[in-house]
Amino acid sequence: MKKLKQTILHKKFGNCFSTCIASLFDLKIEDVPNFCAHDDWWKKLQDWLRPQNLAFIELPTNKGVMPPLPILQDGMLCLAVGTGPRGCLHAVIIKYKTDGVKHWFDLEHDPHPSDAGIFTTDFIGWFIVVDPSKPIRGLI
């Protein structure tokens, strides 16, 4: 993973989420649309991922706590969205960790130049393969 820094610093239309995706897939920032600049960002994201045989799943947390999910494996990189120090939603890359009993997430990369992370974790998301019988195309 190459740890890129976002190029649009705006409370509502910044490209932190897209920069996280570019970082995870070793893409250039300009190759990933700024999905969050659109009201229908979720549909645009899924439409962009679909030709690659990928989809994105996002679940809300319960006050920052995510129950153990069998799909998450130790060391798996995920996206977390929550309130950052600038008072707006912000996306970062986190790493799922477990010792078999407890589980937690460590901050892996903050695309904002401040590297300040997020104060709350409201949503956690990850990428899945849509059809395991077909290859992932284009991104990796």
N, C-alpha and C. Protein backbone atom coordinates (compact mmCIF):
# COMPACT_ATOMS: atom_id res chain seq x y z
N MET A 1 0.85 -1.18 0.00
CA MET A 1 0.00 0.00 0.00
C MET A 1 0.89 1.23 0.00
N LYS A 2 0.59 2.16 -0.90
CA LYS A 2 1.29 3.44 -0.86
C LYS A 2 0.40 4.44 -0.14
N LYS A 3 0.98 5.11 0.82
CA LYS A 3 0.21 6.02 1.67
C LYS A 3 0.19 7.42 1.06
N LEU A 4 -0.91 7.70 0.37
CA LEU A 4 -1.08 8.98 -0.32
C LEU A 4 -1.75 10.00 0.60
N LYS A 5 -1.55 11.26 0.30
CA LYS A 5 -2.21 12.36 1.02
C LYS A 5 -3.26 12.99 0.12
N GLN A 6 -4.40 13.29 0.71
CA GLN A 6 -5.49 13.85 -0.06
C GLN A 6 -5.09 15.20 -0.66
N THR A 7 -5.69 15.50 -1.80
CA THR A 7 -5.37 16.72 -2.53
C THR A 7 -6.47 17.77 -2.44
N ILE A 8 -7.64 17.37 -1.95
CA ILE A 8 -8.75 18.31 -1.78
C ILE A 8 -9.10 18.35 -0.29
N LEU A 9 -8.81 19.48 0.34
CA LEU A 9 -9.08 19.64 1.77
C LEU A 9 -10.32 20.52 1.92
N HIS A 10 -11.45 19.89 2.03
CA HIS A 10 -12.72 20.61 2.13
C HIS A 10 -13.61 19.81 3.06
N LYS A 11 -14.31 20.49 3.97
CA LYS A 11 -15.11 19.79 4.98
C LYS A 11 -16.20 18.91 4.40
N LYS A 12 -16.76 19.29 3.24
CA LYS A 12 -17.84 18.50 2.68
C LYS A 12 -17.41 17.72 1.44
N PHE A 13 -16.55 18.29 0.62
CA PHE A 13 -16.21 17.68 -0.66
C PHE A 13 -14.76 17.24 -0.77
N GLY A 14 -14.08 17.07 0.36
CA GLY A 14 -12.70 16.61 0.34
C GLY A 14 -12.58 15.21 -0.25
N ASN A 15 -11.38 14.83 -0.61
CA ASN A 15 -11.21 13.52 -1.24
C ASN A 15 -10.48 12.51 -0.36
N CYS A 16 -10.72 12.57 0.95
CA CYS A 16 -10.08 11.61 1.86
C CYS A 16 -10.50 10.17 1.55
N PHE A 17 -11.78 9.95 1.29
CA PHE A 17 -12.29 8.61 1.02
C PHE A 17 -11.66 8.04 -0.24
N SER A 18 -11.65 8.83 -1.30
CA SER A 18 -11.06 8.39 -2.57
C SER A 18 -9.56 8.18 -2.43
N THR A 19 -8.92 9.02 -1.61
CA THR A 19 -7.48 8.86 -1.39
C THR A 19 -7.19 7.56 -0.66
N CYS A 20 -8.05 7.19 0.29
CA CYS A 20 -7.89 5.89 0.96
C CYS A 20 -7.99 4.75 -0.05
N ILE A 21 -8.94 4.83 -0.96
CA ILE A 21 -9.09 3.79 -1.97
C ILE A 21 -7.85 3.73 -2.87
N ALA A 22 -7.40 4.90 -3.31
CA ALA A 22 -6.20 4.95 -4.15
C ALA A 22 -5.00 4.35 -3.41
N SER A 23 -4.88 4.66 -2.13
CA SER A 23 -3.77 4.12 -1.33
C SER A 23 -3.86 2.60 -1.23
N LEU A 24 -5.03 2.09 -0.92
CA LEU A 24 -5.21 0.64 -0.76
C LEU A 24 -4.89 -0.13 -2.03
N PHE A 25 -5.27 0.42 -3.18
CA PHE A 25 -5.09 -0.29 -4.44
C PHE A 25 -3.88 0.19 -5.23
N ASP A 26 -3.03 0.98 -4.60
CA ASP A 26 -1.82 1.50 -5.26
C ASP A 26 -2.15 2.20 -6.59
N LEU A 27 -3.16 3.06 -6.55
CA LEU A 27 -3.57 3.84 -7.71
C LEU A 27 -3.14 5.29 -7.54
N LYS A 28 -3.19 6.04 -8.61
CA LYS A 28 -2.99 7.48 -8.53
C LYS A 28 -4.30 8.10 -8.04
N ILE A 29 -4.19 9.17 -7.28
CA ILE A 29 -5.40 9.82 -6.76
C ILE A 29 -6.34 10.22 -7.89
N GLU A 30 -5.78 10.73 -8.98
CA GLU A 30 -6.62 11.18 -10.09
C GLU A 30 -7.33 10.04 -10.81
N ASP A 31 -6.96 8.79 -10.54
CA ASP A 31 -7.63 7.64 -11.15
C ASP A 31 -8.85 7.17 -10.35
N VAL A 32 -9.07 7.77 -9.18
CA VAL A 32 -10.21 7.39 -8.34
C VAL A 32 -11.13 8.61 -8.23
N PRO A 33 -12.38 8.48 -8.67
CA PRO A 33 -13.30 9.63 -8.58
C PRO A 33 -13.51 10.08 -7.13
N ASN A 34 -13.81 11.34 -6.97
CA ASN A 34 -14.14 11.88 -5.64
C ASN A 34 -15.62 11.60 -5.38
N PHE A 35 -15.90 10.38 -5.00
CA PHE A 35 -17.28 9.93 -4.83
C PHE A 35 -18.08 10.81 -3.87
N CYS A 36 -17.45 11.25 -2.81
CA CYS A 36 -18.16 11.98 -1.76
C CYS A 36 -18.55 13.40 -2.16
N ALA A 37 -18.15 13.83 -3.34
CA ALA A 37 -18.56 15.14 -3.84
C ALA A 37 -19.95 15.07 -4.48
N HIS A 38 -20.57 13.89 -4.43
CA HIS A 38 -21.87 13.67 -5.06
C HIS A 38 -22.88 13.15 -4.04
N ASP A 39 -24.13 13.56 -4.19
CA ASP A 39 -25.19 13.06 -3.30
C ASP A 39 -25.38 11.55 -3.45
N ASP A 40 -25.18 11.04 -4.65
CA ASP A 40 -25.36 9.60 -4.90
C ASP A 40 -24.00 8.88 -4.88
N TRP A 41 -23.16 9.27 -3.92
CA TRP A 41 -21.79 8.75 -3.86
C TRP A 41 -21.74 7.23 -3.74
N TRP A 42 -22.68 6.65 -2.99
CA TRP A 42 -22.67 5.20 -2.79
C TRP A 42 -22.88 4.47 -4.12
N LYS A 43 -23.84 4.93 -4.90
CA LYS A 43 -24.09 4.31 -6.20
C LYS A 43 -22.89 4.51 -7.12
N LYS A 44 -22.31 5.70 -7.14
CA LYS A 44 -21.14 5.96 -7.98
C LYS A 44 -19.97 5.06 -7.58
N LEU A 45 -19.78 4.86 -6.30
CA LEU A 45 -18.71 3.98 -5.82
C LEU A 45 -18.94 2.55 -6.31
N GLN A 46 -20.14 2.03 -6.09
CA GLN A 46 -20.44 0.65 -6.48
C GLN A 46 -20.36 0.48 -8.00
N ASP A 47 -20.84 1.48 -8.76
CA ASP A 47 -20.76 1.42 -10.22
C ASP A 47 -19.31 1.41 -10.70
N TRP A 48 -18.44 2.13 -10.00
CA TRP A 48 -17.02 2.19 -10.36
C TRP A 48 -16.32 0.86 -10.04
N LEU A 49 -16.71 0.24 -8.92
CA LEU A 49 -16.09 -1.02 -8.50
C LEU A 49 -16.57 -2.23 -9.30
N ARG A 50 -17.82 -2.22 -9.73
CA ARG A 50 -18.44 -3.39 -10.35
C ARG A 50 -17.65 -3.97 -11.53
N PRO A 51 -17.16 -3.16 -12.48
CA PRO A 51 -16.38 -3.73 -13.59
C PRO A 51 -15.10 -4.42 -13.13
N GLN A 52 -14.64 -4.08 -11.94
CA GLN A 52 -13.44 -4.72 -11.37
C GLN A 52 -13.78 -6.00 -10.61
N ASN A 53 -15.08 -6.35 -10.57
CA ASN A 53 -15.57 -7.52 -9.82
C ASN A 53 -15.46 -7.30 -8.31
N LEU A 54 -15.61 -6.04 -7.89
CA LEU A 54 -15.53 -5.69 -6.48
C LEU A 54 -16.78 -4.93 -6.04
N ALA A 55 -17.01 -4.93 -4.75
CA ALA A 55 -18.06 -4.12 -4.13
C ALA A 55 -17.52 -3.65 -2.79
N PHE A 56 -18.17 -2.65 -2.23
CA PHE A 56 -17.77 -2.12 -0.93
C PHE A 56 -18.91 -2.32 0.04
N ILE A 57 -18.59 -2.85 1.21
CA ILE A 57 -19.57 -3.05 2.27
C ILE A 57 -19.20 -2.12 3.41
N GLU A 58 -20.20 -1.47 3.99
CA GLU A 58 -19.95 -0.56 5.11
C GLU A 58 -21.02 -0.82 6.17
N LEU A 59 -20.57 -0.96 7.41
CA LEU A 59 -21.49 -1.19 8.51
C LEU A 59 -21.33 -0.10 9.57
N PRO A 60 -22.43 0.32 10.18
CA PRO A 60 -22.30 1.29 11.28
C PRO A 60 -21.77 0.58 12.52
N THR A 61 -21.07 1.33 13.34
CA THR A 61 -20.61 0.79 14.62
C THR A 61 -21.63 1.17 15.69
N ASN A 62 -21.48 0.58 16.84
CA ASN A 62 -22.30 0.92 17.99
C ASN A 62 -21.43 1.76 18.93
N LYS A 63 -21.46 3.07 18.74
CA LYS A 63 -20.62 4.00 19.51
C LYS A 63 -19.14 3.62 19.39
N GLY A 64 -18.74 3.30 18.16
CA GLY A 64 -17.35 2.99 17.90
C GLY A 64 -16.96 1.54 18.09
N VAL A 65 -17.90 0.71 18.53
CA VAL A 65 -17.59 -0.70 18.78
C VAL A 65 -18.23 -1.55 17.68
N MET A 66 -17.43 -2.41 17.10
CA MET A 66 -17.91 -3.33 16.08
C MET A 66 -17.88 -4.74 16.66
N PRO A 67 -19.00 -5.47 16.57
CA PRO A 67 -18.97 -6.84 17.07
C PRO A 67 -18.02 -7.68 16.21
N PRO A 68 -17.51 -8.78 16.75
CA PRO A 68 -16.64 -9.64 15.94
C PRO A 68 -17.39 -10.11 14.69
N LEU A 69 -16.75 -9.99 13.56
CA LEU A 69 -17.34 -10.43 12.31
C LEU A 69 -16.42 -11.48 11.69
N PRO A 70 -16.93 -12.68 11.44
CA PRO A 70 -16.07 -13.75 10.91
C PRO A 70 -15.38 -13.40 9.60
N ILE A 71 -15.96 -12.48 8.82
CA ILE A 71 -15.36 -12.12 7.53
C ILE A 71 -14.05 -11.36 7.71
N LEU A 72 -13.90 -10.67 8.84
CA LEU A 72 -12.68 -9.90 9.07
C LEU A 72 -11.57 -10.81 9.60
N GLN A 73 -10.43 -10.71 8.98
CA GLN A 73 -9.28 -11.53 9.35
C GLN A 73 -8.19 -10.67 9.94
N ASP A 74 -7.39 -11.21 10.84
CA ASP A 74 -6.30 -10.48 11.46
C ASP A 74 -5.40 -9.86 10.38
N GLY A 75 -5.15 -8.58 10.51
CA GLY A 75 -4.30 -7.86 9.56
C GLY A 75 -5.04 -7.27 8.37
N MET A 76 -6.34 -7.51 8.27
CA MET A 76 -7.12 -7.00 7.14
C MET A 76 -7.24 -5.49 7.21
N LEU A 77 -7.03 -4.84 6.06
CA LEU A 77 -7.16 -3.39 5.98
C LEU A 77 -8.60 -3.02 5.65
N CYS A 78 -9.13 -2.05 6.37
CA CYS A 78 -10.51 -1.58 6.20
C CYS A 78 -10.50 -0.06 6.14
N LEU A 79 -11.63 0.50 5.79
CA LEU A 79 -11.82 1.94 5.86
C LEU A 79 -12.68 2.26 7.06
N ALA A 80 -12.35 3.32 7.76
CA ALA A 80 -13.18 3.79 8.87
C ALA A 80 -13.56 5.23 8.58
N VAL A 81 -14.79 5.56 8.88
CA VAL A 81 -15.29 6.92 8.71
C VAL A 81 -15.83 7.38 10.05
N GLY A 82 -15.43 8.57 10.43
CA GLY A 82 -15.90 9.14 11.69
C GLY A 82 -15.58 10.62 11.73
N THR A 83 -15.86 11.23 12.86
CA THR A 83 -15.59 12.66 13.01
C THR A 83 -14.11 12.86 13.30
N GLY A 84 -13.52 13.73 12.52
CA GLY A 84 -12.11 14.05 12.70
C GLY A 84 -11.93 15.33 13.50
N PRO A 85 -10.69 15.74 13.71
CA PRO A 85 -10.42 16.94 14.52
C PRO A 85 -10.90 18.24 13.88
N ARG A 86 -11.26 18.19 12.62
CA ARG A 86 -11.77 19.41 11.97
C ARG A 86 -13.29 19.51 12.06
N GLY A 87 -13.91 18.57 12.80
CA GLY A 87 -15.34 18.63 13.06
C GLY A 87 -16.22 18.11 11.94
N CYS A 88 -15.65 17.38 11.00
CA CYS A 88 -16.43 16.84 9.88
C CYS A 88 -16.09 15.36 9.71
N LEU A 89 -16.89 14.68 8.88
CA LEU A 89 -16.61 13.28 8.61
C LEU A 89 -15.28 13.15 7.88
N HIS A 90 -14.55 12.11 8.21
CA HIS A 90 -13.24 11.89 7.63
C HIS A 90 -13.01 10.39 7.50
N ALA A 91 -12.33 9.98 6.44
CA ALA A 91 -12.05 8.57 6.19
C ALA A 91 -10.57 8.29 6.41
N VAL A 92 -10.28 7.15 7.03
CA VAL A 92 -8.92 6.70 7.26
C VAL A 92 -8.85 5.20 6.97
N ILE A 93 -7.64 4.68 6.86
CA ILE A 93 -7.43 3.25 6.70
C ILE A 93 -7.04 2.68 8.06
N ILE A 94 -7.72 1.60 8.42
CA ILE A 94 -7.44 0.94 9.69
C ILE A 94 -7.08 -0.53 9.43
N LYS A 95 -6.42 -1.13 10.41
CA LYS A 95 -6.07 -2.54 10.32
C LYS A 95 -6.80 -3.30 11.43
N TYR A 96 -7.55 -4.32 11.02
CA TYR A 96 -8.25 -5.17 11.98
C TYR A 96 -7.25 -6.07 12.67
N LYS A 97 -7.32 -6.15 13.98
CA LYS A 97 -6.42 -6.98 14.77
C LYS A 97 -7.24 -7.85 15.72
N THR A 98 -6.78 -9.07 15.92
CA THR A 98 -7.42 -9.95 16.89
C THR A 98 -6.39 -10.90 17.49
N ASP A 99 -6.61 -11.26 18.73
CA ASP A 99 -5.76 -12.27 19.37
C ASP A 99 -6.55 -13.57 19.57
N GLY A 100 -7.69 -13.66 18.93
CA GLY A 100 -8.54 -14.83 19.07
C GLY A 100 -9.63 -14.65 20.10
N VAL A 101 -9.44 -13.71 21.02
CA VAL A 101 -10.43 -13.42 22.06
C VAL A 101 -10.94 -12.00 21.89
N LYS A 102 -10.03 -11.05 21.90
CA LYS A 102 -10.38 -9.64 21.73
C LYS A 102 -10.11 -9.23 20.28
N HIS A 103 -10.77 -8.15 19.86
CA HIS A 103 -10.47 -7.60 18.55
C HIS A 103 -10.46 -6.08 18.66
N TRP A 104 -9.70 -5.46 17.78
CA TRP A 104 -9.57 -4.01 17.77
C TRP A 104 -9.07 -3.57 16.41
N PHE A 105 -9.02 -2.25 16.20
CA PHE A 105 -8.53 -1.68 14.97
C PHE A 105 -7.40 -0.71 15.30
N ASP A 106 -6.34 -0.75 14.53
CA ASP A 106 -5.25 0.20 14.65
C ASP A 106 -5.28 1.13 13.44
N LEU A 107 -4.98 2.40 13.66
CA LEU A 107 -4.88 3.34 12.55
C LEU A 107 -3.69 2.94 11.69
N GLU A 108 -3.92 2.74 10.42
CA GLU A 108 -2.86 2.36 9.48
C GLU A 108 -2.42 3.56 8.65
N HIS A 109 -3.38 4.41 8.24
CA HIS A 109 -3.03 5.56 7.42
C HIS A 109 -4.13 6.61 7.47
N ASP A 110 -3.73 7.85 7.69
CA ASP A 110 -4.62 9.00 7.60
C ASP A 110 -4.22 9.79 6.37
N PRO A 111 -5.12 9.95 5.39
CA PRO A 111 -4.75 10.67 4.18
C PRO A 111 -4.64 12.19 4.37
N HIS A 112 -5.13 12.72 5.49
CA HIS A 112 -5.03 14.16 5.73
C HIS A 112 -3.59 14.51 6.10
N PRO A 113 -3.09 15.65 5.64
CA PRO A 113 -1.71 16.03 5.96
C PRO A 113 -1.40 16.12 7.45
N SER A 114 -2.40 16.32 8.28
CA SER A 114 -2.17 16.44 9.72
C SER A 114 -1.87 15.09 10.39
N ASP A 115 -2.28 14.00 9.76
CA ASP A 115 -2.16 12.65 10.36
C ASP A 115 -2.85 12.55 11.72
N ALA A 116 -3.90 13.34 11.93
CA ALA A 116 -4.57 13.40 13.23
C ALA A 116 -5.61 12.29 13.43
N GLY A 117 -5.95 11.54 12.39
CA GLY A 117 -6.90 10.44 12.54
C GLY A 117 -8.33 10.91 12.73
N ILE A 118 -9.12 10.08 13.41
CA ILE A 118 -10.51 10.39 13.70
C ILE A 118 -10.77 10.20 15.18
N PHE A 119 -11.73 10.97 15.70
CA PHE A 119 -12.09 10.87 17.11
C PHE A 119 -13.15 9.80 17.35
N THR A 120 -14.04 9.64 16.39
CA THR A 120 -15.10 8.63 16.48
C THR A 120 -15.00 7.71 15.28
N THR A 121 -15.43 6.48 15.45
CA THR A 121 -15.53 5.55 14.33
C THR A 121 -17.01 5.22 14.17
N ASP A 122 -17.61 5.83 13.16
CA ASP A 122 -19.04 5.67 12.94
C ASP A 122 -19.37 4.53 11.99
N PHE A 123 -18.48 4.29 11.02
CA PHE A 123 -18.68 3.24 10.02
C PHE A 123 -17.35 2.55 9.75
N ILE A 124 -17.43 1.26 9.48
CA ILE A 124 -16.27 0.50 9.05
C ILE A 124 -16.66 -0.23 7.77
N GLY A 125 -15.79 -0.15 6.77
CA GLY A 125 -16.10 -0.78 5.49
C GLY A 125 -14.91 -1.51 4.91
N TRP A 126 -15.19 -2.43 3.99
CA TRP A 126 -14.14 -3.19 3.33
C TRP A 126 -14.65 -3.62 1.96
N PHE A 127 -13.71 -4.03 1.14
CA PHE A 127 -14.00 -4.45 -0.22
C PHE A 127 -14.19 -5.96 -0.28
N ILE A 128 -15.12 -6.38 -1.12
CA ILE A 128 -15.34 -7.81 -1.32
C ILE A 128 -15.33 -8.11 -2.81
N VAL A 129 -15.04 -9.36 -3.13
CA VAL A 129 -15.13 -9.84 -4.51
C VAL A 129 -16.59 -10.20 -4.76
N VAL A 130 -17.14 -9.74 -5.88
CA VAL A 130 -18.55 -9.99 -6.19
C VAL A 130 -18.75 -11.43 -6.64
N ASP A 131 -17.93 -11.90 -7.57
CA ASP A 131 -18.06 -13.27 -8.10
C ASP A 131 -16.70 -13.96 -7.98
N PRO A 132 -16.53 -14.84 -6.98
CA PRO A 132 -15.23 -15.49 -6.76
C PRO A 132 -14.74 -16.33 -7.94
N SER A 133 -15.62 -16.70 -8.84
CA SER A 133 -15.20 -17.50 -10.00
C SER A 133 -14.57 -16.64 -11.09
N LYS A 134 -14.62 -15.31 -10.91
CA LYS A 134 -14.05 -14.40 -11.92
C LYS A 134 -12.90 -13.60 -11.29
N PRO A 135 -11.95 -13.19 -12.12
CA PRO A 135 -10.81 -12.44 -11.58
C PRO A 135 -11.19 -11.01 -11.21
N ILE A 136 -10.40 -10.44 -10.32
CA ILE A 136 -10.51 -9.00 -10.03
C ILE A 136 -9.80 -8.32 -11.19
N ARG A 137 -10.44 -7.35 -11.79
CA ARG A 137 -9.87 -6.70 -12.97
C ARG A 137 -9.54 -5.24 -12.68
N GLY A 138 -8.45 -4.81 -13.21
CA GLY A 138 -8.15 -3.38 -13.27
C GLY A 138 -7.47 -2.75 -12.07
N LEU A 139 -7.94 -2.99 -10.86
CA LEU A 139 -7.41 -2.25 -9.71
C LEU A 139 -6.12 -2.84 -9.18
N ILE A 140 -6.03 -4.16 -9.16
CA ILE A 140 -4.81 -4.76 -8.59
C ILE A 140 -4.19 -5.75 -9.56
